[in-house]
Amino acid sequence: MEGIETEEAVIMHEGITKQDKGLEFNFTPVKSREEIKKIIQSTPKPEIEPDKILELGYCGMGMPVIKSHALLLEMTSGEVLRADSSHACSFSDIHAYARRSKRVKLVGLDINGEKMSYYLQVI
């Protein structure tokens, strides 16, 4: 499966560099739920059968990545995890995790009502 990366997610994670007392830091502008919904709806919807499903609910503040990472460590190459979250911050968190991980790629996105589904494949 090919990994996917929406242009908007790349832009979100490049962030904007600021100077604060000589220290550089990056921040990422958060997109609205409606913007995220439009982005996800515009992505291809491949038929992906996940090997495991992780229901995250309204879990935010990095927890989607932490919980997904813990479960992905138990999985083997080729297996797919579907992580479901209704928290808007999960969109940028999961994209950043998949882009930085050497072991996982984001292979699909879907949305159903408020629940966003991220398909992460172990490579």
N, C-alpha and C. Protein backbone atom coordinates (compact mmCIF):
# COMPACT_ATOMS: atom_id res chain seq x y z
N MET A 1 0.83 -1.19 0.00
CA MET A 1 0.00 0.00 0.00
C MET A 1 0.87 1.24 0.00
N GLU A 2 0.44 2.22 -0.74
CA GLU A 2 1.13 3.50 -0.76
C GLU A 2 0.76 4.30 0.47
N GLY A 3 1.72 5.02 1.02
CA GLY A 3 1.43 5.94 2.11
C GLY A 3 0.75 7.18 1.55
N ILE A 4 -0.07 7.83 2.36
CA ILE A 4 -0.72 9.05 1.90
C ILE A 4 -0.31 10.21 2.78
N GLU A 5 -0.28 11.37 2.21
CA GLU A 5 0.04 12.58 2.96
C GLU A 5 -0.69 13.71 2.26
N THR A 6 -1.63 14.30 2.94
CA THR A 6 -2.34 15.41 2.33
C THR A 6 -1.45 16.64 2.34
N GLU A 7 -1.56 17.45 1.31
CA GLU A 7 -0.75 18.66 1.22
C GLU A 7 -0.99 19.55 2.42
N GLU A 8 -2.25 19.62 2.87
CA GLU A 8 -2.58 20.45 4.01
C GLU A 8 -1.88 19.98 5.27
N ALA A 9 -1.77 18.68 5.45
CA ALA A 9 -1.11 18.15 6.64
C ALA A 9 0.38 18.48 6.61
N VAL A 10 0.99 18.42 5.44
CA VAL A 10 2.41 18.76 5.33
C VAL A 10 2.60 20.22 5.71
N ILE A 11 1.75 21.09 5.19
CA ILE A 11 1.84 22.51 5.51
C ILE A 11 1.64 22.73 7.01
N MET A 12 0.66 22.02 7.59
CA MET A 12 0.38 22.18 9.02
C MET A 12 1.61 21.83 9.86
N HIS A 13 2.33 20.79 9.47
CA HIS A 13 3.42 20.31 10.30
C HIS A 13 4.74 21.02 10.04
N GLU A 14 4.84 21.71 8.92
CA GLU A 14 6.05 22.49 8.73
C GLU A 14 6.07 23.64 9.72
N GLY A 15 4.87 24.08 10.09
CA GLY A 15 4.75 25.10 11.13
C GLY A 15 5.39 26.41 10.72
N ILE A 16 5.48 27.30 11.64
CA ILE A 16 6.06 28.61 11.43
C ILE A 16 7.10 28.81 12.52
N THR A 17 8.32 29.09 12.12
CA THR A 17 9.40 29.26 13.09
C THR A 17 9.35 30.67 13.67
N LYS A 18 9.42 30.77 14.98
CA LYS A 18 9.42 32.06 15.68
C LYS A 18 10.68 32.16 16.53
N GLN A 19 11.03 33.35 16.88
CA GLN A 19 12.16 33.58 17.77
C GLN A 19 11.62 34.05 19.12
N ASP A 20 12.11 33.46 20.18
CA ASP A 20 11.70 33.88 21.52
C ASP A 20 12.94 33.87 22.41
N LYS A 21 13.46 35.06 22.71
CA LYS A 21 14.66 35.19 23.54
C LYS A 21 15.82 34.35 23.00
N GLY A 22 15.97 34.37 21.67
CA GLY A 22 17.08 33.65 21.05
C GLY A 22 16.83 32.18 20.81
N LEU A 23 15.71 31.63 21.29
CA LEU A 23 15.40 30.22 21.08
C LEU A 23 14.37 30.08 19.96
N GLU A 24 14.60 29.13 19.07
CA GLU A 24 13.64 28.88 18.01
C GLU A 24 12.65 27.82 18.48
N PHE A 25 11.41 27.98 18.09
CA PHE A 25 10.42 26.95 18.33
C PHE A 25 9.43 26.97 17.19
N ASN A 26 8.76 25.85 16.97
CA ASN A 26 7.77 25.75 15.91
C ASN A 26 6.39 25.61 16.53
N PHE A 27 5.41 26.17 15.88
CA PHE A 27 4.05 25.88 16.28
C PHE A 27 3.25 25.55 15.04
N THR A 28 2.22 24.75 15.22
CA THR A 28 1.40 24.29 14.12
C THR A 28 0.02 24.88 14.26
N PRO A 29 -0.44 25.61 13.25
CA PRO A 29 -1.80 26.12 13.32
C PRO A 29 -2.80 24.98 13.28
N VAL A 30 -3.79 25.01 14.13
CA VAL A 30 -4.80 23.96 14.19
C VAL A 30 -5.91 24.29 13.22
N LYS A 31 -6.29 23.30 12.43
CA LYS A 31 -7.38 23.48 11.48
C LYS A 31 -8.70 23.20 12.19
N SER A 32 -9.76 23.81 11.66
CA SER A 32 -11.09 23.57 12.22
C SER A 32 -11.57 22.17 11.84
N ARG A 33 -12.54 21.67 12.58
CA ARG A 33 -13.11 20.36 12.30
C ARG A 33 -13.67 20.31 10.88
N GLU A 34 -14.28 21.40 10.42
CA GLU A 34 -14.85 21.44 9.06
C GLU A 34 -13.75 21.36 8.00
N GLU A 35 -12.64 22.06 8.23
CA GLU A 35 -11.52 21.99 7.29
C GLU A 35 -10.95 20.57 7.24
N ILE A 36 -10.80 19.95 8.40
CA ILE A 36 -10.29 18.58 8.47
C ILE A 36 -11.24 17.63 7.75
N LYS A 37 -12.52 17.80 7.96
CA LYS A 37 -13.52 16.94 7.32
C LYS A 37 -13.41 17.03 5.80
N LYS A 38 -13.26 18.24 5.25
CA LYS A 38 -13.12 18.42 3.80
C LYS A 38 -11.86 17.75 3.28
N ILE A 39 -10.77 17.87 4.03
CA ILE A 39 -9.51 17.25 3.62
C ILE A 39 -9.67 15.74 3.57
N ILE A 40 -10.22 15.15 4.62
CA ILE A 40 -10.37 13.70 4.68
C ILE A 40 -11.32 13.21 3.59
N GLN A 41 -12.41 13.92 3.37
CA GLN A 41 -13.37 13.53 2.33
C GLN A 41 -12.76 13.57 0.94
N SER A 42 -11.74 14.40 0.74
CA SER A 42 -11.13 14.53 -0.58
C SER A 42 -10.06 13.46 -0.86
N THR A 43 -9.70 12.65 0.14
CA THR A 43 -8.68 11.63 -0.06
C THR A 43 -9.29 10.36 -0.65
N PRO A 44 -8.48 9.58 -1.39
CA PRO A 44 -8.99 8.31 -1.92
C PRO A 44 -9.38 7.38 -0.77
N LYS A 45 -10.36 6.53 -1.00
CA LYS A 45 -10.83 5.60 0.03
C LYS A 45 -10.57 4.16 -0.43
N PRO A 46 -9.33 3.69 -0.24
CA PRO A 46 -9.02 2.32 -0.64
C PRO A 46 -9.72 1.32 0.29
N GLU A 47 -9.97 0.14 -0.22
CA GLU A 47 -10.55 -0.92 0.60
C GLU A 47 -9.45 -1.48 1.49
N ILE A 48 -9.47 -1.12 2.75
CA ILE A 48 -8.45 -1.57 3.69
C ILE A 48 -9.14 -2.34 4.81
N GLU A 49 -8.69 -3.55 5.02
CA GLU A 49 -9.22 -4.38 6.11
C GLU A 49 -8.20 -4.35 7.25
N PRO A 50 -8.52 -3.64 8.34
CA PRO A 50 -7.53 -3.54 9.43
C PRO A 50 -7.38 -4.86 10.19
N ASP A 51 -6.17 -5.09 10.67
CA ASP A 51 -5.91 -6.27 11.51
C ASP A 51 -6.33 -6.00 12.95
N LYS A 52 -6.21 -4.74 13.37
CA LYS A 52 -6.63 -4.34 14.72
C LYS A 52 -7.32 -2.99 14.64
N ILE A 53 -8.23 -2.75 15.58
CA ILE A 53 -8.95 -1.48 15.66
C ILE A 53 -8.76 -0.90 17.05
N LEU A 54 -8.43 0.37 17.10
CA LEU A 54 -8.24 1.07 18.37
C LEU A 54 -9.24 2.22 18.45
N GLU A 55 -10.19 2.13 19.37
CA GLU A 55 -11.19 3.18 19.58
C GLU A 55 -10.63 4.17 20.58
N LEU A 56 -10.36 5.38 20.12
CA LEU A 56 -9.77 6.39 20.99
C LEU A 56 -10.79 7.37 21.55
N GLY A 57 -11.98 7.43 20.98
CA GLY A 57 -12.99 8.37 21.45
C GLY A 57 -12.53 9.80 21.30
N TYR A 58 -12.81 10.63 22.28
CA TYR A 58 -12.43 12.04 22.24
C TYR A 58 -11.08 12.23 22.94
N CYS A 59 -10.16 11.39 22.60
CA CYS A 59 -8.83 11.36 23.21
C CYS A 59 -7.93 12.35 22.46
N GLY A 60 -7.32 13.29 23.16
CA GLY A 60 -6.47 14.30 22.52
C GLY A 60 -5.16 14.47 23.25
N MET A 61 -4.50 15.57 23.00
CA MET A 61 -3.24 15.94 23.65
C MET A 61 -2.16 14.88 23.49
N GLY A 62 -2.02 14.34 22.27
CA GLY A 62 -0.98 13.36 22.00
C GLY A 62 -1.35 11.92 22.31
N MET A 63 -2.44 11.70 23.03
CA MET A 63 -2.81 10.33 23.40
C MET A 63 -3.12 9.44 22.19
N PRO A 64 -3.70 9.95 21.09
CA PRO A 64 -3.90 9.07 19.93
C PRO A 64 -2.58 8.47 19.44
N VAL A 65 -1.53 9.26 19.44
CA VAL A 65 -0.22 8.77 19.00
C VAL A 65 0.34 7.80 20.02
N ILE A 66 0.29 8.13 21.29
CA ILE A 66 0.84 7.26 22.33
C ILE A 66 0.16 5.90 22.33
N LYS A 67 -1.17 5.90 22.30
CA LYS A 67 -1.91 4.63 22.33
C LYS A 67 -1.72 3.85 21.04
N SER A 68 -1.70 4.55 19.90
CA SER A 68 -1.49 3.87 18.61
C SER A 68 -0.09 3.26 18.56
N HIS A 69 0.90 4.02 18.98
CA HIS A 69 2.29 3.55 18.97
C HIS A 69 2.45 2.28 19.81
N ALA A 70 1.86 2.27 20.98
CA ALA A 70 1.97 1.10 21.86
C ALA A 70 1.39 -0.14 21.18
N LEU A 71 0.26 0.00 20.52
CA LEU A 71 -0.35 -1.15 19.85
C LEU A 71 0.43 -1.53 18.59
N LEU A 72 0.92 -0.55 17.85
CA LEU A 72 1.70 -0.84 16.64
C LEU A 72 2.99 -1.58 16.96
N LEU A 73 3.57 -1.37 18.14
CA LEU A 73 4.78 -2.10 18.53
C LEU A 73 4.54 -3.60 18.64
N GLU A 74 3.30 -3.99 18.91
CA GLU A 74 2.94 -5.40 19.03
C GLU A 74 2.64 -6.04 17.67
N MET A 75 2.52 -5.21 16.63
CA MET A 75 2.11 -5.70 15.32
C MET A 75 3.34 -5.96 14.44
N THR A 76 3.15 -6.78 13.39
CA THR A 76 4.24 -7.15 12.49
C THR A 76 4.09 -6.47 11.14
N SER A 77 5.14 -6.53 10.35
CA SER A 77 5.18 -5.90 9.04
C SER A 77 3.99 -6.32 8.18
N GLY A 78 3.35 -5.32 7.57
CA GLY A 78 2.20 -5.57 6.70
C GLY A 78 0.86 -5.44 7.40
N GLU A 79 0.84 -5.54 8.73
CA GLU A 79 -0.42 -5.42 9.45
C GLU A 79 -0.87 -3.96 9.49
N VAL A 80 -2.20 -3.79 9.56
CA VAL A 80 -2.80 -2.46 9.54
C VAL A 80 -3.62 -2.23 10.81
N LEU A 81 -3.40 -1.07 11.42
CA LEU A 81 -4.18 -0.63 12.58
C LEU A 81 -5.12 0.48 12.12
N ARG A 82 -6.39 0.36 12.48
CA ARG A 82 -7.31 1.47 12.28
C ARG A 82 -7.50 2.14 13.63
N ALA A 83 -7.08 3.40 13.72
CA ALA A 83 -7.24 4.17 14.95
C ALA A 83 -8.36 5.17 14.72
N ASP A 84 -9.40 5.10 15.55
CA ASP A 84 -10.57 5.97 15.44
C ASP A 84 -10.55 7.01 16.54
N SER A 85 -10.70 8.29 16.17
CA SER A 85 -10.71 9.37 17.14
C SER A 85 -11.70 10.44 16.71
N SER A 86 -12.33 11.07 17.67
CA SER A 86 -13.22 12.19 17.36
C SER A 86 -12.60 13.53 17.76
N HIS A 87 -11.34 13.51 18.18
CA HIS A 87 -10.65 14.73 18.59
C HIS A 87 -9.95 15.35 17.38
N ALA A 88 -10.20 16.63 17.11
CA ALA A 88 -9.65 17.30 15.93
C ALA A 88 -8.12 17.29 15.91
N CYS A 89 -7.48 17.35 17.06
CA CYS A 89 -6.01 17.37 17.10
C CYS A 89 -5.39 16.06 16.65
N SER A 90 -6.18 14.98 16.65
CA SER A 90 -5.63 13.70 16.23
C SER A 90 -5.18 13.75 14.77
N PHE A 91 -5.82 14.58 13.95
CA PHE A 91 -5.47 14.69 12.54
C PHE A 91 -4.00 15.07 12.36
N SER A 92 -3.61 16.16 12.96
CA SER A 92 -2.22 16.59 12.80
C SER A 92 -1.25 15.69 13.57
N ASP A 93 -1.68 15.18 14.73
CA ASP A 93 -0.81 14.30 15.52
C ASP A 93 -0.47 13.01 14.77
N ILE A 94 -1.49 12.37 14.20
CA ILE A 94 -1.28 11.09 13.49
C ILE A 94 -0.45 11.32 12.23
N HIS A 95 -0.72 12.40 11.49
CA HIS A 95 0.08 12.69 10.30
C HIS A 95 1.56 12.89 10.67
N ALA A 96 1.82 13.63 11.72
CA ALA A 96 3.20 13.88 12.13
C ALA A 96 3.87 12.57 12.55
N TYR A 97 3.16 11.75 13.30
CA TYR A 97 3.71 10.47 13.76
C TYR A 97 4.07 9.60 12.56
N ALA A 98 3.15 9.47 11.62
CA ALA A 98 3.40 8.60 10.46
C ALA A 98 4.55 9.13 9.61
N ARG A 99 4.64 10.43 9.46
CA ARG A 99 5.71 11.02 8.66
C ARG A 99 7.07 10.82 9.31
N ARG A 100 7.14 10.88 10.61
CA ARG A 100 8.43 10.77 11.32
C ARG A 100 8.83 9.34 11.64
N SER A 101 7.86 8.45 11.62
CA SER A 101 8.14 7.05 11.98
C SER A 101 8.85 6.34 10.84
N LYS A 102 9.82 5.53 11.19
CA LYS A 102 10.51 4.71 10.20
C LYS A 102 9.84 3.34 10.08
N ARG A 103 8.86 3.08 10.92
CA ARG A 103 8.24 1.76 11.00
C ARG A 103 6.76 1.76 10.59
N VAL A 104 6.16 2.93 10.42
CA VAL A 104 4.72 3.02 10.18
C VAL A 104 4.45 4.01 9.06
N LYS A 105 3.45 3.69 8.22
CA LYS A 105 3.00 4.68 7.24
C LYS A 105 1.48 4.79 7.28
N LEU A 106 1.00 5.97 7.02
CA LEU A 106 -0.43 6.25 6.96
C LEU A 106 -0.90 5.85 5.58
N VAL A 107 -1.80 4.86 5.50
CA VAL A 107 -2.23 4.34 4.20
C VAL A 107 -3.69 4.67 3.88
N GLY A 108 -4.41 5.25 4.82
CA GLY A 108 -5.80 5.61 4.55
C GLY A 108 -6.39 6.51 5.60
N LEU A 109 -7.38 7.28 5.18
CA LEU A 109 -8.13 8.19 6.06
C LEU A 109 -9.61 8.04 5.73
N ASP A 110 -10.44 8.14 6.74
CA ASP A 110 -11.88 8.14 6.51
C ASP A 110 -12.54 8.93 7.62
N ILE A 111 -13.78 9.33 7.38
CA ILE A 111 -14.53 10.05 8.40
C ILE A 111 -15.98 9.59 8.34
N ASN A 112 -16.56 9.41 9.50
CA ASN A 112 -17.95 9.01 9.62
C ASN A 112 -18.54 9.83 10.76
N GLY A 113 -19.31 10.86 10.41
CA GLY A 113 -19.82 11.77 11.44
C GLY A 113 -18.67 12.52 12.07
N GLU A 114 -18.51 12.38 13.37
CA GLU A 114 -17.42 13.04 14.10
C GLU A 114 -16.19 12.16 14.22
N LYS A 115 -16.32 10.88 13.87
CA LYS A 115 -15.21 9.93 14.05
C LYS A 115 -14.30 9.90 12.83
N MET A 116 -13.02 10.20 13.07
CA MET A 116 -12.01 10.12 12.02
C MET A 116 -11.25 8.82 12.18
N SER A 117 -11.04 8.12 11.07
CA SER A 117 -10.33 6.85 11.09
C SER A 117 -9.01 6.99 10.35
N TYR A 118 -7.96 6.52 10.99
CA TYR A 118 -6.61 6.58 10.43
C TYR A 118 -6.12 5.14 10.28
N TYR A 119 -5.70 4.79 9.07
CA TYR A 119 -5.20 3.44 8.80
C TYR A 119 -3.68 3.51 8.76
N LEU A 120 -3.05 2.87 9.72
CA LEU A 120 -1.59 2.88 9.87
C LEU A 120 -1.04 1.49 9.62
N GLN A 121 -0.14 1.38 8.67
CA GLN A 121 0.44 0.08 8.33
C GLN A 121 1.87 -0.01 8.84
N VAL A 122 2.19 -1.15 9.46
CA VAL A 122 3.56 -1.42 9.91
C VAL A 122 4.37 -1.80 8.67
N ILE A 123 5.54 -1.18 8.50
CA ILE A 123 6.39 -1.49 7.34
C ILE A 123 7.64 -2.24 7.76
